[in-house]
Amino acid sequence: MIRCSAKFRILLLVLLCILSGCQKIGNREYGVRFWKLPPWLGGGISERIFRPGETVIDYPILSSVYRFDAGVRDVSWGSDQQEAPVQTRARDGNEVALAVTVSYKVIGEAQRIQKLIRTVGTTNEDVQRIVMSAARADIRTYMNELRTSEFILDEPRYKAVDRVRESLRERLEPLGVEILRVNLDGFTFDEQYEAKLKEIQQQREETEREKARIATVTAKKEQELNNMQASVNQMIEAAKGYRNQATARGDNFLLSKENRAKAITAKGEAEVEALLEQIEALSGPGGRALLKLEIVKQLMKEKPKFVVLNEGESGQSLNVNRLDTNDLIGQVGLLEGLREQEKVSSNKKESAHEEKK
């Protein structure tokens, strides 16, 4: 029994060697072996994948090698007549034909490729069909959210395309297909909507040009306003300078006049005080003697040769007695008094001068 079993094994190995061959995996391919045996003999999808350029021993009767393109593949609608445009409607009901390109590739991981074979297919065409089916559905779903006028605006259009790409990634990457890019190559509406869209686009461009013109005029006017404001500020500063100078001159003039007024007031007060002293002196007991003394001083100053003593009794003639002044002064007896008075006046002046110091 044991000998038969050994012979059978040897025969099986010889048969495998006779029937086996070699094949090479392409430079842009991944390969996976599928054993055509019952599961209890190890049949099914191999856990090992063959990388690009790797040589594989082939057993045509017992196994098959599934090959998948490892490079980037594109599927397009509406360009180069590869596929017809994706027909859909805008949110406002306008029919629109979309030209779209989707770029994808197979993920080179054993578990992802095994799942791809189990759920999608065993050829590149199977992978392409699942990509096209999912992409067509997502394009219609998310591009339908745009209104006709939003197709000509970059931001809402790009956002819709991004939602298509993210949805495809969530659906296909778990199956082993990586979505690289989704590009909206173009879009067309029916003639009526196309004309309306061109009109909207023209109005939008005219509006943008008008906004630019308004912005230019506004900037120019702002510059003129700034220049005028600078000129006004300069005039205000000059006026302030003139005002400050005039104020300073006025203050100096007022101060000089105040000082002069103070000097005049002080001089007047001194004269008043002197007059008051004279009045007080004249009002006292010696007032008559001082009066006589003043008469003598005036006579000495004028040096008269005669004096009028009194009028006639009738009032119609004057009795004039010619007298010598020196005799008159001697008769009055005030020469000594005059000298004493001059001495007193000199002492008063010296006292006043000392007080001012």
Protein backbone atom coordinates (compact mmCIF):
# COMPACT_ATOMS: atom_id res chain seq x y z
CA MET A 1 0.00 0.00 0.00
CA ILE A 2 2.76 2.33 0.88
CA ARG A 3 4.66 1.43 -2.31
CA CYS A 4 1.58 2.22 -4.44
CA SER A 5 1.14 5.53 -2.73
CA ALA A 6 4.77 6.45 -3.35
CA LYS A 7 4.52 5.42 -6.97
CA PHE A 8 1.38 7.51 -7.39
CA ARG A 9 3.09 10.55 -5.98
CA ILE A 10 6.07 10.13 -8.21
CA LEU A 11 3.80 9.69 -11.19
CA LEU A 12 1.88 12.82 -10.26
CA LEU A 13 5.08 14.86 -9.98
CA VAL A 14 6.30 13.59 -13.33
CA LEU A 15 2.96 14.45 -14.90
CA LEU A 16 3.08 17.95 -13.45
CA CYS A 17 6.56 18.49 -14.78
CA ILE A 18 5.53 17.33 -18.23
CA LEU A 19 2.46 19.55 -18.32
CA SER A 20 4.04 22.62 -16.67
CA GLY A 21 5.48 25.65 -18.37
CA CYS A 22 6.73 29.18 -17.57
CA GLN A 23 5.17 32.53 -18.18
CA LYS A 24 6.29 36.04 -17.29
CA ILE A 25 4.13 38.68 -15.66
CA GLY A 26 4.12 41.93 -17.68
CA ASN A 27 5.87 45.06 -16.48
CA ARG A 28 2.47 46.71 -15.86
CA GLU A 29 0.64 43.71 -14.39
CA TYR A 30 -0.20 41.91 -11.17
CA GLY A 31 -0.88 38.17 -11.26
CA VAL A 32 -2.81 35.80 -8.97
CA ARG A 33 -2.92 32.01 -9.31
CA PHE A 34 -6.21 30.13 -9.14
CA TRP A 35 -5.96 26.41 -8.39
CA LYS A 36 -8.56 24.29 -10.18
CA LEU A 37 -8.77 21.77 -7.38
CA PRO A 38 -11.32 20.97 -4.72
CA PRO A 39 -11.03 23.15 -1.65
CA TRP A 40 -9.91 20.16 0.44
CA LEU A 41 -6.92 19.78 -1.88
CA GLY A 42 -5.98 23.45 -1.65
CA GLY A 43 -8.02 24.69 -4.54
CA GLY A 44 -9.10 28.34 -4.89
CA ILE A 45 -7.34 31.73 -5.05
CA SER A 46 -3.72 31.78 -3.94
CA GLU A 47 -2.74 34.14 -1.16
CA ARG A 48 0.42 35.12 -3.03
CA ILE A 49 0.42 37.71 -5.82
CA PHE A 50 2.95 37.98 -8.61
CA ARG A 51 4.60 41.37 -9.07
CA PRO A 52 5.34 43.09 -12.42
CA GLY A 53 8.16 41.34 -14.30
CA GLU A 54 8.07 38.18 -12.15
CA THR A 55 8.36 34.69 -13.78
CA VAL A 56 5.58 32.23 -12.91
CA ILE A 57 5.49 28.42 -13.35
CA ASP A 58 2.27 27.62 -15.13
CA TYR A 59 0.18 24.48 -14.71
CA PRO A 60 -2.47 24.84 -17.42
CA ILE A 61 -4.56 21.87 -16.35
CA LEU A 62 -4.41 22.49 -12.61
CA SER A 63 -4.35 26.29 -12.34
CA SER A 64 -4.92 29.63 -14.04
CA VAL A 65 -3.17 32.97 -13.56
CA TYR A 66 -5.40 36.03 -13.47
CA ARG A 67 -3.67 39.18 -14.70
CA PHE A 68 -4.58 42.79 -13.87
CA ASP A 69 -3.10 45.96 -15.34
CA ALA A 70 -0.89 47.64 -12.69
CA GLY A 71 -0.77 51.02 -14.47
CA VAL A 72 -3.15 53.95 -14.51
CA ARG A 73 -6.19 53.44 -16.73
CA ASP A 74 -8.71 56.02 -17.92
CA VAL A 75 -12.33 55.74 -18.80
CA SER A 76 -13.94 58.69 -20.56
CA TRP A 77 -17.36 59.86 -21.68
CA GLY A 78 -17.91 62.37 -24.45
CA SER A 79 -14.25 62.61 -25.59
CA ASP A 80 -12.57 60.87 -28.54
CA GLN A 81 -15.85 59.06 -29.16
CA GLN A 82 -14.86 56.48 -26.51
CA GLU A 83 -18.20 56.69 -24.75
CA ALA A 84 -21.23 58.89 -25.25
CA PRO A 85 -21.52 61.87 -22.88
CA VAL A 86 -23.25 61.28 -19.57
CA GLN A 87 -26.76 62.64 -20.00
CA THR A 88 -28.29 64.23 -16.92
CA ARG A 89 -30.30 67.26 -15.81
CA ALA A 90 -29.36 70.34 -13.90
CA ARG A 91 -31.21 71.15 -10.70
CA ASP A 92 -33.51 73.56 -12.56
CA GLY A 93 -34.48 70.86 -15.09
CA ASN A 94 -32.13 71.78 -17.92
CA GLU A 95 -30.71 68.81 -19.83
CA VAL A 96 -26.93 68.71 -19.86
CA ALA A 97 -24.40 66.40 -21.51
CA LEU A 98 -21.21 65.88 -19.48
CA ALA A 99 -17.78 64.93 -20.78
CA VAL A 100 -15.94 63.24 -17.90
CA THR A 101 -12.67 61.34 -17.47
CA VAL A 102 -12.02 58.99 -14.52
CA SER A 103 -8.47 57.75 -13.81
CA TYR A 104 -8.01 54.60 -11.70
CA LYS A 105 -5.68 51.69 -11.02
CA VAL A 106 -5.71 48.30 -9.27
CA ILE A 107 -4.27 48.35 -5.74
CA GLY A 108 -1.26 45.98 -5.54
CA GLU A 109 -2.13 44.23 -2.28
CA ALA A 110 -2.87 40.52 -1.99
CA GLN A 111 -6.03 40.91 0.08
CA ARG A 112 -7.39 43.71 -2.16
CA ILE A 113 -6.75 41.72 -5.36
CA GLN A 114 -8.31 38.58 -3.87
CA LYS A 115 -11.41 40.58 -2.96
CA LEU A 116 -11.42 42.15 -6.44
CA ILE A 117 -11.49 38.66 -7.99
CA ARG A 118 -14.24 37.45 -5.68
CA THR A 119 -16.52 40.51 -5.99
CA VAL A 120 -15.74 42.18 -9.32
CA GLY A 121 -14.17 39.84 -11.86
CA THR A 122 -10.98 38.26 -13.14
CA THR A 123 -10.12 40.57 -16.04
CA ASN A 124 -9.29 44.20 -16.69
CA GLU A 125 -12.57 44.55 -18.57
CA ASP A 126 -14.48 43.47 -15.47
CA VAL A 127 -12.70 46.15 -13.45
CA GLN A 128 -13.42 48.78 -16.09
CA ARG A 129 -17.11 47.88 -16.20
CA ILE A 130 -17.50 48.28 -12.41
CA VAL A 131 -15.66 51.63 -12.52
CA MET A 132 -17.84 52.91 -15.36
CA SER A 133 -21.04 51.78 -13.72
CA ALA A 134 -20.22 53.38 -10.35
CA ALA A 135 -18.83 56.56 -11.94
CA ARG A 136 -21.86 57.09 -14.19
CA ALA A 137 -24.19 56.79 -11.19
CA ASP A 138 -22.19 59.16 -8.98
CA ILE A 139 -21.76 61.72 -11.79
CA ARG A 140 -25.50 61.93 -12.27
CA THR A 141 -26.13 62.04 -8.52
CA TYR A 142 -23.83 64.93 -7.65
CA MET A 143 -23.76 66.95 -10.89
CA ASN A 144 -27.56 67.10 -10.72
CA GLU A 145 -27.21 69.31 -7.62
CA LEU A 146 -25.93 72.20 -9.78
CA ARG A 147 -28.19 74.77 -11.37
CA THR A 148 -27.61 75.79 -14.96
CA SER A 149 -25.96 79.06 -13.93
CA GLU A 150 -23.63 77.24 -11.51
CA PHE A 151 -22.00 75.18 -14.24
CA ILE A 152 -20.12 78.26 -15.43
CA LEU A 153 -18.86 79.04 -11.90
CA ASP A 154 -15.61 77.35 -10.93
CA GLU A 155 -16.21 76.91 -7.22
CA PRO A 156 -19.59 75.08 -7.25
CA ARG A 157 -18.55 73.01 -10.29
CA TYR A 158 -15.27 71.90 -8.68
CA LYS A 159 -17.06 71.06 -5.44
CA ALA A 160 -19.52 68.81 -7.30
CA VAL A 161 -16.65 67.01 -9.09
CA ASP A 162 -14.85 66.54 -5.75
CA ARG A 163 -17.98 64.91 -4.28
CA VAL A 164 -18.06 62.50 -7.25
CA ARG A 165 -14.41 61.54 -6.65
CA GLU A 166 -14.87 61.03 -2.90
CA SER A 167 -17.97 58.88 -3.44
CA LEU A 168 -16.14 56.67 -5.96
CA ARG A 169 -13.25 56.22 -3.54
CA GLU A 170 -15.55 55.13 -0.74
CA ARG A 171 -17.27 52.62 -3.02
CA LEU A 172 -14.36 51.12 -5.02
CA GLU A 173 -11.22 51.29 -2.88
CA PRO A 174 -12.50 48.58 -0.48
CA LEU A 175 -12.89 46.38 -3.59
CA GLY A 176 -9.25 46.96 -4.63
CA VAL A 177 -9.64 49.84 -7.13
CA GLU A 178 -7.99 53.21 -6.38
CA ILE A 179 -9.63 56.32 -7.89
CA LEU A 180 -6.92 58.82 -8.79
CA ARG A 181 -8.74 61.64 -10.61
CA VAL A 182 -12.17 62.72 -11.84
CA ASN A 183 -12.07 65.50 -14.44
CA LEU A 184 -15.04 67.33 -15.92
CA ASP A 185 -13.81 67.92 -19.49
CA GLY A 186 -16.84 69.80 -20.71
CA PHE A 187 -20.62 70.25 -20.65
CA THR A 188 -23.27 71.26 -23.17
CA PHE A 189 -26.93 72.24 -22.87
CA ASP A 190 -29.68 72.36 -25.46
CA GLU A 191 -29.65 75.37 -27.79
CA GLN A 192 -32.12 77.50 -25.82
CA TYR A 193 -30.33 77.00 -22.53
CA GLU A 194 -26.95 77.35 -24.21
CA ALA A 195 -27.93 80.77 -25.55
CA LYS A 196 -29.26 81.77 -22.14
CA LEU A 197 -26.07 80.54 -20.50
CA LYS A 198 -23.93 82.57 -22.90
CA GLU A 199 -26.04 85.61 -22.13
CA ILE A 200 -25.58 85.06 -18.39
CA GLN A 201 -21.85 84.61 -18.90
CA GLN A 202 -21.66 87.83 -20.94
CA GLN A 203 -23.59 89.75 -18.32
CA ARG A 204 -21.35 88.34 -15.61
CA GLU A 205 -18.23 89.41 -17.50
CA GLU A 206 -19.67 92.89 -18.06
CA THR A 207 -20.51 93.08 -14.36
CA GLU A 208 -16.95 92.11 -13.43
CA ARG A 209 -15.56 94.74 -15.81
CA GLU A 210 -17.86 97.36 -14.33
CA LYS A 211 -16.80 96.36 -10.82
CA ALA A 212 -13.16 96.72 -11.85
CA ARG A 213 -13.87 100.16 -13.37
CA ILE A 214 -15.71 101.27 -10.22
CA ALA A 215 -12.85 100.01 -8.08
CA THR A 216 -10.37 101.98 -10.21
CA VAL A 217 -12.43 105.19 -10.00
CA THR A 218 -12.92 104.67 -6.26
CA ALA A 219 -9.19 104.25 -5.73
CA LYS A 220 -8.49 107.39 -7.78
CA LYS A 221 -11.03 109.43 -5.81
CA GLU A 222 -9.65 108.12 -2.54
CA GLN A 223 -6.18 109.24 -3.63
CA GLU A 224 -7.52 112.69 -4.54
CA LEU A 225 -9.30 112.86 -1.17
CA ASN A 226 -6.09 111.90 0.63
CA ASN A 227 -4.14 114.56 -1.26
CA MET A 228 -6.79 117.19 -0.48
CA GLN A 229 -6.90 116.13 3.15
CA ALA A 230 -3.12 116.42 3.34
CA SER A 231 -3.32 119.95 1.86
CA VAL A 232 -6.05 120.93 4.35
CA ASN A 233 -4.01 119.51 7.23
CA GLN A 234 -1.01 121.51 6.05
CA MET A 235 -3.11 124.71 5.91
CA ILE A 236 -4.49 123.97 9.38
CA GLU A 237 -0.99 123.51 10.79
CA ALA A 238 0.15 126.77 9.13
CA ALA A 239 -2.87 128.60 10.58
CA LYS A 240 -2.08 127.15 14.00
CA GLY A 241 1.49 128.46 13.66
CA TYR A 242 0.27 131.94 12.72
CA ARG A 243 -2.21 131.87 15.58
CA ASN A 244 0.48 130.82 18.06
CA GLN A 245 2.80 133.57 16.83
CA ALA A 246 0.04 136.18 17.04
CA THR A 247 -0.93 134.95 20.49
CA ALA A 248 2.69 135.19 21.63
CA ARG A 249 3.01 138.73 20.25
CA GLY A 250 -0.27 139.72 21.88
CA ASP A 251 0.79 138.25 25.20
CA ASN A 252 4.12 140.08 25.06
CA PHE A 253 2.38 143.37 24.15
CA LEU A 254 -0.15 142.89 26.94
CA LEU A 255 2.64 142.10 29.41
CA SER A 256 4.61 145.23 28.43
CA LYS A 257 1.50 147.38 28.74
CA GLU A 258 0.69 145.82 32.10
CA ASN A 259 4.24 146.52 33.29
CA ARG A 260 3.99 150.09 32.03
CA ALA A 261 0.62 150.51 33.72
CA LYS A 262 2.09 149.18 36.93
CA ALA A 263 4.97 151.66 36.66
CA ILE A 264 2.57 154.55 35.98
CA THR A 265 0.38 153.43 38.86
CA ALA A 266 3.38 153.21 41.18
CA LYS A 267 4.56 156.66 40.10
CA GLY A 268 1.09 158.13 40.56
CA GLU A 269 0.73 156.50 43.95
CA ALA A 270 4.10 157.98 44.95
CA GLU A 271 3.00 161.43 43.77
CA VAL A 272 -0.31 161.07 45.55
CA GLU A 273 1.48 160.01 48.69
CA ALA A 274 3.80 163.04 48.40
CA LEU A 275 0.83 165.34 47.87
CA LEU A 276 -0.93 163.79 50.82
CA GLU A 277 2.16 164.37 52.93
CA GLN A 278 2.27 167.98 51.76
CA ILE A 279 -1.42 168.43 52.49
CA GLU A 280 -0.93 166.91 55.91
CA ALA A 281 2.06 169.18 56.55
CA LEU A 282 0.18 172.26 55.41
CA SER A 283 -2.80 171.34 57.53
CA GLY A 284 -0.71 171.25 60.66
CA PRO A 285 0.56 174.04 62.90
CA GLY A 286 3.56 174.76 60.72
CA GLY A 287 1.55 175.10 57.55
CA ARG A 288 1.73 178.91 57.52
CA ALA A 289 5.49 178.83 58.02
CA LEU A 290 5.84 176.32 55.17
CA LEU A 291 3.75 178.54 52.95
CA LYS A 292 5.98 181.48 53.70
CA LEU A 293 8.95 179.28 52.96
CA GLU A 294 7.51 178.32 49.57
CA ILE A 295 7.02 182.02 48.79
CA VAL A 296 10.63 182.71 49.61
CA LYS A 297 11.75 179.79 47.39
CA GLN A 298 9.77 181.11 44.45
CA LEU A 299 11.14 184.66 44.99
CA MET A 300 14.66 183.32 45.06
CA LYS A 301 14.04 181.32 41.90
CA GLU A 302 12.60 184.26 39.92
CA LYS A 303 14.93 186.91 41.45
CA PRO A 304 12.44 189.77 41.23
CA LYS A 305 13.49 193.37 41.80
CA PHE A 306 10.21 194.37 43.34
CA VAL A 307 7.10 192.83 44.80
CA VAL A 308 3.47 193.95 45.14
CA LEU A 309 2.51 194.07 48.76
CA ASN A 310 -1.15 195.12 48.59
CA GLU A 311 -3.77 196.89 46.52
CA GLY A 312 -5.14 200.30 47.14
CA GLU A 313 -7.98 200.78 49.46
CA SER A 314 -10.29 201.87 46.69
CA GLY A 315 -9.37 198.91 44.50
CA GLN A 316 -8.64 201.18 41.55
CA SER A 317 -4.87 201.52 42.05
CA LEU A 318 -2.01 199.43 43.32
CA ASN A 319 0.46 200.52 45.93
CA VAL A 320 3.79 199.04 44.94
CA ASN A 321 6.69 199.21 47.31
CA ARG A 322 10.04 198.52 45.71
CA LEU A 323 12.08 196.46 48.08
CA ASP A 324 15.31 194.65 47.89
CA THR A 325 14.75 190.92 47.96
CA ASN A 326 17.50 190.24 50.41
CA ASP A 327 16.04 192.77 52.78
CA LEU A 328 12.64 191.18 52.35
CA ILE A 329 13.99 187.72 53.14
CA GLY A 330 15.81 189.09 56.13
CA GLN A 331 12.68 190.88 57.34
CA VAL A 332 10.63 187.74 56.98
CA GLY A 333 13.28 185.96 59.09
CA LEU A 334 13.00 182.76 57.23
CA LEU A 335 16.44 182.30 55.80
CA GLU A 336 17.40 179.88 58.50
CA GLY A 337 14.10 178.12 58.17
CA LEU A 338 14.76 177.67 54.45
CA ARG A 339 18.08 176.09 55.11
CA GLU A 340 16.58 173.73 57.67
CA GLN A 341 13.83 172.81 55.24
CA GLU A 342 16.35 172.02 52.49
CA LYS A 343 18.25 169.83 54.92
CA VAL A 344 15.07 167.93 55.90
CA SER A 345 14.14 167.43 52.21
CA SER A 346 17.63 166.07 51.47
CA ASN A 347 17.34 163.60 54.32
CA LYS A 348 13.95 162.41 53.09
CA LYS A 349 15.30 161.79 49.57
CA GLU A 350 18.21 159.74 50.91
CA SER A 351 15.82 157.66 53.07
CA ALA A 352 13.54 157.02 50.10
CA HIS A 353 16.52 156.01 47.94
CA GLU A 354 17.70 153.55 50.62
CA GLU A 355 14.20 152.00 50.89
CA LYS A 356 14.08 151.39 47.10
CA LYS A 357 17.41 149.53 47.28
